[in-house]
Amino acid sequence: MSLWIKICGLSDQEMIDASIEAGADAIGFVLDRSPREVSLEQACALKEFTAGRCEIVAVMRQASPDKIRSICADLQPDWIQANAPVNMDSASLQGARRLPVVRGQLPAGINIPDGRCLYEGAESGIGQLADWSAARKLARSANLVLAGGLTPQNVSDAVRSVRPFGVDVSSGVETSPGRKDPGKIHQFISAARQAHAALNARETVNE
């Protein structure tokens, strides 16, 4: 299985094209207060530039059911990313899947819908490194997408250490808050894929 890679916090066509050309599987539109925030109308317009070439993730910290319902109706994202739990019935999500954000230990009584979660540090979008040891334990039982403090320089180590289902980056490929660098995006995706391929090759040899 290939590594799922998401580039988050995109706000213009150039960076969407750079991410897709570099091999990103998904891009994230931040619909919450942030240097990377876009309006729902902007996100809908930007989605047109993807031409179905990647998955779309609507990103929030917390959101009311009404807000999520509106986003799903207008943007029709593939994933709704918000702090765990993402409590919405399937009809309201209109085909979107839940991507709950887990910070630290999985909250008691919370399951992982759709088998996938995003794991990061206490704060989003500030480059705070997640706890890789705790992430590695959770990755054994869930399709864990590792985020938080990842960069082109450390993503190889992160993939080898955590063995995640996927990785997610935002500030780690920026020149300043909200301004992505296409070169860093390419470097990040290349390093992540090379590390994942090396792991797969090693496991094949050991079988």
C-alpha atoms as a PDB file:
ATOM      1  CA  MET A   1       0.000   0.000   0.000  1.00  0.00           C
ATOM      2  CA  SER A   2       1.333   3.444  -0.893  1.00  0.00           C
ATOM      3  CA  LEU A   3       1.771   6.261   1.610  1.00  0.00           C
ATOM      4  CA  TRP A   4      -1.146   8.736   1.689  1.00  0.00           C
ATOM      5  CA  ILE A   5       0.193  12.310   1.581  1.00  0.00           C
ATOM      6  CA  LYS A   6      -1.794  15.464   2.317  1.00  0.00           C
ATOM      7  CA  ILE A   7      -0.624  19.045   1.779  1.00  0.00           C
ATOM      8  CA  CYS A   8      -2.710  21.285   4.013  1.00  0.00           C
ATOM      9  CA  GLY A   9      -3.533  24.980   4.065  1.00  0.00           C
ATOM     10  CA  LEU A  10      -3.542  25.679   0.337  1.00  0.00           C
ATOM     11  CA  SER A  11      -5.050  28.917  -0.898  1.00  0.00           C
ATOM     12  CA  ASP A  12      -4.062  29.421  -4.541  1.00  0.00           C
ATOM     13  CA  GLN A  13      -3.936  27.596  -7.848  1.00  0.00           C
ATOM     14  CA  GLU A  14      -0.130  27.590  -8.086  1.00  0.00           C
ATOM     15  CA  MET A  15       0.321  25.620  -4.884  1.00  0.00           C
ATOM     16  CA  ILE A  16      -2.537  23.264  -5.752  1.00  0.00           C
ATOM     17  CA  ASP A  17      -0.839  22.481  -9.057  1.00  0.00           C
ATOM     18  CA  ALA A  18       2.568  22.108  -7.368  1.00  0.00           C
ATOM     19  CA  SER A  19       1.149  19.701  -4.784  1.00  0.00           C
ATOM     20  CA  ILE A  20      -0.639  17.522  -7.312  1.00  0.00           C
ATOM     21  CA  GLU A  21       2.308  17.482  -9.717  1.00  0.00           C
ATOM     22  CA  ALA A  22       4.574  16.421  -6.842  1.00  0.00           C
ATOM     23  CA  GLY A  23       2.285  13.469  -6.115  1.00  0.00           C
ATOM     24  CA  ALA A  24       0.043  14.586  -3.248  1.00  0.00           C
ATOM     25  CA  ASP A  25      -2.970  12.367  -2.650  1.00  0.00           C
ATOM     26  CA  ALA A  26      -4.987  15.075  -0.924  1.00  0.00           C
ATOM     27  CA  ILE A  27      -5.044  18.802  -0.274  1.00  0.00           C
ATOM     28  CA  GLY A  28      -6.575  20.570   2.699  1.00  0.00           C
ATOM     29  CA  PHE A  29      -8.597  23.777   2.736  1.00  0.00           C
ATOM     30  CA  VAL A  30      -8.609  25.424   6.183  1.00  0.00           C
ATOM     31  CA  LEU A  31     -12.115  26.710   6.909  1.00  0.00           C
ATOM     32  CA  ASP A  32     -11.252  28.081  10.332  1.00  0.00           C
ATOM     33  CA  ARG A  33      -9.390  31.031  11.830  1.00  0.00           C
ATOM     34  CA  SER A  34      -5.793  30.668  10.677  1.00  0.00           C
ATOM     35  CA  PRO A  35      -3.154  32.402   8.512  1.00  0.00           C
ATOM     36  CA  ARG A  36      -4.212  29.759   5.961  1.00  0.00           C
ATOM     37  CA  GLU A  37      -7.957  30.328   6.233  1.00  0.00           C
ATOM     38  CA  VAL A  38     -10.080  30.436   3.104  1.00  0.00           C
ATOM     39  CA  SER A  39     -13.800  31.069   2.926  1.00  0.00           C
ATOM     40  CA  LEU A  40     -16.171  28.337   1.831  1.00  0.00           C
ATOM     41  CA  GLU A  41     -16.702  30.269  -1.413  1.00  0.00           C
ATOM     42  CA  GLN A  42     -12.940  30.425  -2.028  1.00  0.00           C
ATOM     43  CA  ALA A  43     -12.562  26.720  -1.292  1.00  0.00           C
ATOM     44  CA  CYS A  44     -15.294  25.869  -3.787  1.00  0.00           C
ATOM     45  CA  ALA A  45     -13.557  27.968  -6.455  1.00  0.00           C
ATOM     46  CA  LEU A  46     -10.147  26.461  -5.680  1.00  0.00           C
ATOM     47  CA  LYS A  47     -11.548  22.940  -5.868  1.00  0.00           C
ATOM     48  CA  GLU A  48     -12.162  23.515  -9.581  1.00  0.00           C
ATOM     49  CA  PHE A  49      -8.387  23.637 -10.127  1.00  0.00           C
ATOM     50  CA  THR A  50      -7.990  20.091  -8.810  1.00  0.00           C
ATOM     51  CA  ALA A  51     -10.085  18.653 -11.655  1.00  0.00           C
ATOM     52  CA  GLY A  52     -10.636  15.529  -9.574  1.00  0.00           C
ATOM     53  CA  ARG A  53      -6.899  14.775  -9.441  1.00  0.00           C
ATOM     54  CA  CYS A  54      -6.743  14.482  -5.651  1.00  0.00           C
ATOM     55  CA  GLU A  55      -8.926  14.184  -2.572  1.00  0.00           C
ATOM     56  CA  ILE A  56     -10.280  17.301  -0.864  1.00  0.00           C
ATOM     57  CA  VAL A  57     -10.151  17.698   2.926  1.00  0.00           C
ATOM     58  CA  ALA A  58     -12.184  20.390   4.679  1.00  0.00           C
ATOM     59  CA  VAL A  59     -10.167  21.328   7.775  1.00  0.00           C
ATOM     60  CA  MET A  60     -11.528  22.807  11.017  1.00  0.00           C
ATOM     61  CA  ARG A  61     -10.775  22.620  14.724  1.00  0.00           C
ATOM     62  CA  GLN A  62     -14.344  22.498  15.958  1.00  0.00           C
ATOM     63  CA  ALA A  63     -17.477  22.911  13.887  1.00  0.00           C
ATOM     64  CA  SER A  64     -21.190  22.840  14.520  1.00  0.00           C
ATOM     65  CA  PRO A  65     -23.300  20.242  12.730  1.00  0.00           C
ATOM     66  CA  ASP A  66     -24.894  23.072  10.731  1.00  0.00           C
ATOM     67  CA  LYS A  67     -21.507  24.344   9.528  1.00  0.00           C
ATOM     68  CA  ILE A  68     -20.349  20.869   8.551  1.00  0.00           C
ATOM     69  CA  ARG A  69     -23.643  20.248   6.755  1.00  0.00           C
ATOM     70  CA  SER A  70     -23.208  23.489   4.782  1.00  0.00           C
ATOM     71  CA  ILE A  71     -19.597  22.634   3.871  1.00  0.00           C
ATOM     72  CA  CYS A  72     -20.576  19.161   2.706  1.00  0.00           C
ATOM     73  CA  ALA A  73     -23.432  20.528   0.599  1.00  0.00           C
ATOM     74  CA  ASP A  74     -21.383  23.232  -1.149  1.00  0.00           C
ATOM     75  CA  LEU A  75     -17.802  21.939  -1.260  1.00  0.00           C
ATOM     76  CA  GLN A  76     -18.555  18.206  -1.351  1.00  0.00           C
ATOM     77  CA  PRO A  77     -15.200  17.282   0.214  1.00  0.00           C
ATOM     78  CA  ASP A  78     -13.911  13.753   0.473  1.00  0.00           C
ATOM     79  CA  TRP A  79     -13.032  14.228   4.150  1.00  0.00           C
ATOM     80  CA  ILE A  80     -14.139  16.400   7.077  1.00  0.00           C
ATOM     81  CA  GLN A  81     -11.179  16.975   9.426  1.00  0.00           C
ATOM     82  CA  ALA A  82     -11.944  18.270  12.914  1.00  0.00           C
ATOM     83  CA  ASN A  83     -11.039  17.559  16.524  1.00  0.00           C
ATOM     84  CA  ALA A  84     -12.313  14.164  17.655  1.00  0.00           C
ATOM     85  CA  PRO A  85     -15.092  13.251  17.681  1.00  0.00           C
ATOM     86  CA  VAL A  86     -16.641  14.333  14.384  1.00  0.00           C
ATOM     87  CA  ASN A  87     -20.273  13.655  15.272  1.00  0.00           C
ATOM     88  CA  MET A  88     -22.345  13.671  12.111  1.00  0.00           C
ATOM     89  CA  ASP A  89     -24.658  11.095  10.592  1.00  0.00           C
ATOM     90  CA  SER A  90     -23.892   9.746   7.151  1.00  0.00           C
ATOM     91  CA  ALA A  91     -26.807  11.570   5.526  1.00  0.00           C
ATOM     92  CA  SER A  92     -25.558  14.953   6.777  1.00  0.00           C
ATOM     93  CA  LEU A  93     -22.013  14.240   5.586  1.00  0.00           C
ATOM     94  CA  GLN A  94     -23.363  13.621   2.065  1.00  0.00           C
ATOM     95  CA  GLY A  95     -20.631  11.183   1.108  1.00  0.00           C
ATOM     96  CA  ALA A  96     -17.756  12.831   2.988  1.00  0.00           C
ATOM     97  CA  ARG A  97     -15.840  10.716   5.485  1.00  0.00           C
ATOM     98  CA  ARG A  98     -14.711  11.687   8.972  1.00  0.00           C
ATOM     99  CA  LEU A  99     -11.047  12.413   9.694  1.00  0.00           C
ATOM    100  CA  PRO A 100     -10.942  13.015  13.467  1.00  0.00           C
ATOM    101  CA  VAL A 101      -7.897  14.808  14.877  1.00  0.00           C
ATOM    102  CA  VAL A 102      -6.351  13.002  17.838  1.00  0.00           C
ATOM    103  CA  ARG A 103      -3.914  14.746  20.177  1.00  0.00           C
ATOM    104  CA  GLY A 104      -2.145  12.526  22.669  1.00  0.00           C
ATOM    105  CA  GLN A 105      -4.151   9.573  23.847  1.00  0.00           C
ATOM    106  CA  LEU A 106      -7.357   8.584  22.093  1.00  0.00           C
ATOM    107  CA  PRO A 107     -10.239   9.953  24.203  1.00  0.00           C
ATOM    108  CA  ALA A 108     -12.086   7.284  26.163  1.00  0.00           C
ATOM    109  CA  GLY A 109     -15.127   5.935  24.398  1.00  0.00           C
ATOM    110  CA  ILE A 110     -14.127   7.412  21.034  1.00  0.00           C
ATOM    111  CA  ASN A 111     -13.820   5.067  18.115  1.00  0.00           C
ATOM    112  CA  ILE A 112     -12.197   5.921  14.806  1.00  0.00           C
ATOM    113  CA  PRO A 113     -14.854   6.142  12.090  1.00  0.00           C
ATOM    114  CA  ASP A 114     -13.810   5.061   8.605  1.00  0.00           C
ATOM    115  CA  GLY A 115     -10.680   3.554  10.191  1.00  0.00           C
ATOM    116  CA  ARG A 116      -8.585   6.709   9.777  1.00  0.00           C
ATOM    117  CA  CYS A 117      -7.460   9.512  12.088  1.00  0.00           C
ATOM    118  CA  LEU A 118      -4.999  12.387  11.991  1.00  0.00           C
ATOM    119  CA  TYR A 119      -2.506  12.543  14.835  1.00  0.00           C
ATOM    120  CA  GLU A 120      -0.734  15.772  15.783  1.00  0.00           C
ATOM    121  CA  GLY A 121       0.463  17.942  18.681  1.00  0.00           C
ATOM    122  CA  ALA A 122      -1.571  20.067  21.055  1.00  0.00           C
ATOM    123  CA  GLU A 123      -1.837  22.986  18.605  1.00  0.00           C
ATOM    124  CA  SER A 124      -2.430  22.910  14.867  1.00  0.00           C
ATOM    125  CA  GLY A 125      -0.539  24.849  12.231  1.00  0.00           C
ATOM    126  CA  ILE A 126       2.398  26.038  14.330  1.00  0.00           C
ATOM    127  CA  GLY A 127       4.935  23.345  13.528  1.00  0.00           C
ATOM    128  CA  GLN A 128       4.670  21.600  16.897  1.00  0.00           C
ATOM    129  CA  LEU A 129       6.150  18.130  16.716  1.00  0.00           C
ATOM    130  CA  ALA A 130       3.769  15.322  17.636  1.00  0.00           C
ATOM    131  CA  ASP A 131       4.643  12.515  20.055  1.00  0.00           C
ATOM    132  CA  TRP A 132       5.972   9.902  17.645  1.00  0.00           C
ATOM    133  CA  SER A 133       6.100   7.187  20.303  1.00  0.00           C
ATOM    134  CA  ALA A 134       2.396   7.524  21.108  1.00  0.00           C
ATOM    135  CA  ALA A 135       1.603   7.844  17.404  1.00  0.00           C
ATOM    136  CA  ARG A 136       3.449   4.607  16.664  1.00  0.00           C
ATOM    137  CA  LYS A 137       1.295   2.719  19.189  1.00  0.00           C
ATOM    138  CA  LEU A 138      -1.953   4.083  17.715  1.00  0.00           C
ATOM    139  CA  ALA A 139      -0.742   3.356  14.165  1.00  0.00           C
ATOM    140  CA  ARG A 140      -0.868  -0.364  14.981  1.00  0.00           C
ATOM    141  CA  SER A 141      -4.661  -0.268  15.227  1.00  0.00           C
ATOM    142  CA  ALA A 142      -5.706   2.585  12.933  1.00  0.00           C
ATOM    143  CA  ASN A 143      -4.884   4.169   9.598  1.00  0.00           C
ATOM    144  CA  LEU A 144      -2.969   6.965  11.271  1.00  0.00           C
ATOM    145  CA  VAL A 145      -2.037  10.105   9.345  1.00  0.00           C
ATOM    146  CA  LEU A 146       0.912  11.726  11.109  1.00  0.00           C
ATOM    147  CA  ALA A 147       1.003  15.533  11.248  1.00  0.00           C
ATOM    148  CA  GLY A 148       2.596  18.202  13.398  1.00  0.00           C
ATOM    149  CA  GLY A 149       6.069  19.610  12.865  1.00  0.00           C
ATOM    150  CA  LEU A 150       6.883  17.547   9.788  1.00  0.00           C
ATOM    151  CA  THR A 151       9.374  18.988   7.288  1.00  0.00           C
ATOM    152  CA  PRO A 152      11.299  17.782   4.240  1.00  0.00           C
ATOM    153  CA  GLN A 153      14.225  17.200   6.629  1.00  0.00           C
ATOM    154  CA  ASN A 154      12.481  14.996   9.211  1.00  0.00           C
ATOM    155  CA  VAL A 155       9.675  13.247   7.334  1.00  0.00           C
ATOM    156  CA  SER A 156      11.907  10.279   6.423  1.00  0.00           C
ATOM    157  CA  ASP A 157      12.662   9.683  10.106  1.00  0.00           C
ATOM    158  CA  ALA A 158       8.970  10.089  10.925  1.00  0.00           C
ATOM    159  CA  VAL A 159       7.921   7.461   8.375  1.00  0.00           C
ATOM    160  CA  ARG A 160      10.556   5.002   9.609  1.00  0.00           C
ATOM    161  CA  SER A 161       9.744   5.599  13.285  1.00  0.00           C
ATOM    162  CA  VAL A 162       5.936   5.740  13.266  1.00  0.00           C
ATOM    163  CA  ARG A 163       5.121   3.691  10.154  1.00  0.00           C
ATOM    164  CA  PRO A 164       1.983   5.727   9.530  1.00  0.00           C
ATOM    165  CA  PHE A 165      -0.710   5.186   6.930  1.00  0.00           C
ATOM    166  CA  GLY A 166      -0.073   8.737   5.774  1.00  0.00           C
ATOM    167  CA  VAL A 167       1.610  12.055   6.504  1.00  0.00           C
ATOM    168  CA  ASP A 168       0.291  15.613   6.506  1.00  0.00           C
ATOM    169  CA  VAL A 169       2.245  18.869   6.265  1.00  0.00           C
ATOM    170  CA  SER A 170       1.424  22.568   6.314  1.00  0.00           C
ATOM    171  CA  SER A 171       3.879  24.969   7.976  1.00  0.00           C
ATOM    172  CA  GLY A 172       6.807  22.654   7.219  1.00  0.00           C
ATOM    173  CA  VAL A 173       6.640  23.530   3.510  1.00  0.00           C
ATOM    174  CA  GLU A 174       6.179  27.278   3.941  1.00  0.00           C
ATOM    175  CA  THR A 175       8.447  30.308   3.613  1.00  0.00           C
ATOM    176  CA  SER A 176       6.176  32.263   5.992  1.00  0.00           C
ATOM    177  CA  PRO A 177       2.800  31.501   7.616  1.00  0.00           C
ATOM    178  CA  GLY A 178       0.356  30.722   4.834  1.00  0.00           C
ATOM    179  CA  ARG A 179       2.884  30.982   1.978  1.00  0.00           C
ATOM    180  CA  LYS A 180       3.791  27.583   0.554  1.00  0.00           C
ATOM    181  CA  ASP A 181       7.040  26.863  -1.278  1.00  0.00           C
ATOM    182  CA  PRO A 182       6.685  24.542  -4.317  1.00  0.00           C
ATOM    183  CA  GLY A 183      10.274  23.336  -3.940  1.00  0.00           C
ATOM    184  CA  LYS A 184       9.686  22.319  -0.335  1.00  0.00           C
ATOM    185  CA  ILE A 185       6.464  20.553  -1.302  1.00  0.00           C
ATOM    186  CA  HIS A 186       8.348  18.464  -3.869  1.00  0.00           C
ATOM    187  CA  GLN A 187      11.160  17.736  -1.395  1.00  0.00           C
ATOM    188  CA  PHE A 188       8.700  16.671   1.311  1.00  0.00           C
ATOM    189  CA  ILE A 189       6.739  14.297  -0.911  1.00  0.00           C
ATOM    190  CA  SER A 190       9.882  12.809  -2.462  1.00  0.00           C
ATOM    191  CA  ALA A 191      11.504  12.183   0.937  1.00  0.00           C
ATOM    192  CA  ALA A 192       8.320  10.644   2.368  1.00  0.00           C
ATOM    193  CA  ARG A 193       7.802   8.313  -0.578  1.00  0.00           C
ATOM    194  CA  GLN A 194      11.439   7.204  -0.653  1.00  0.00           C
ATOM    195  CA  ALA A 195      11.374   6.357   3.053  1.00  0.00           C
ATOM    196  CA  HIS A 196       8.126   4.424   2.670  1.00  0.00           C
ATOM    197  CA  ALA A 197       9.411   2.523  -0.362  1.00  0.00           C
ATOM    198  CA  ALA A 198      12.586   1.579   1.525  1.00  0.00           C
ATOM    199  CA  LEU A 199      10.492   0.232   4.404  1.00  0.00           C
ATOM    200  CA  ASN A 200       8.377  -1.837   2.048  1.00  0.00           C
ATOM    201  CA  ALA A 201      11.465  -3.219   0.320  1.00  0.00           C
ATOM    202  CA  ARG A 202      13.025  -4.199   3.644  1.00  0.00           C
ATOM    203  CA  GLU A 203       9.843  -5.949   4.785  1.00  0.00           C
ATOM    204  CA  THR A 204       9.626  -7.847   1.487  1.00  0.00           C
ATOM    205  CA  VAL A 205      13.184  -9.097   1.883  1.00  0.00           C
ATOM    206  CA  ASN A 206      12.466 -10.253   5.441  1.00  0.00           C
ATOM    207  CA  GLU A 207       9.361 -12.245   4.495  1.00  0.00           C
END
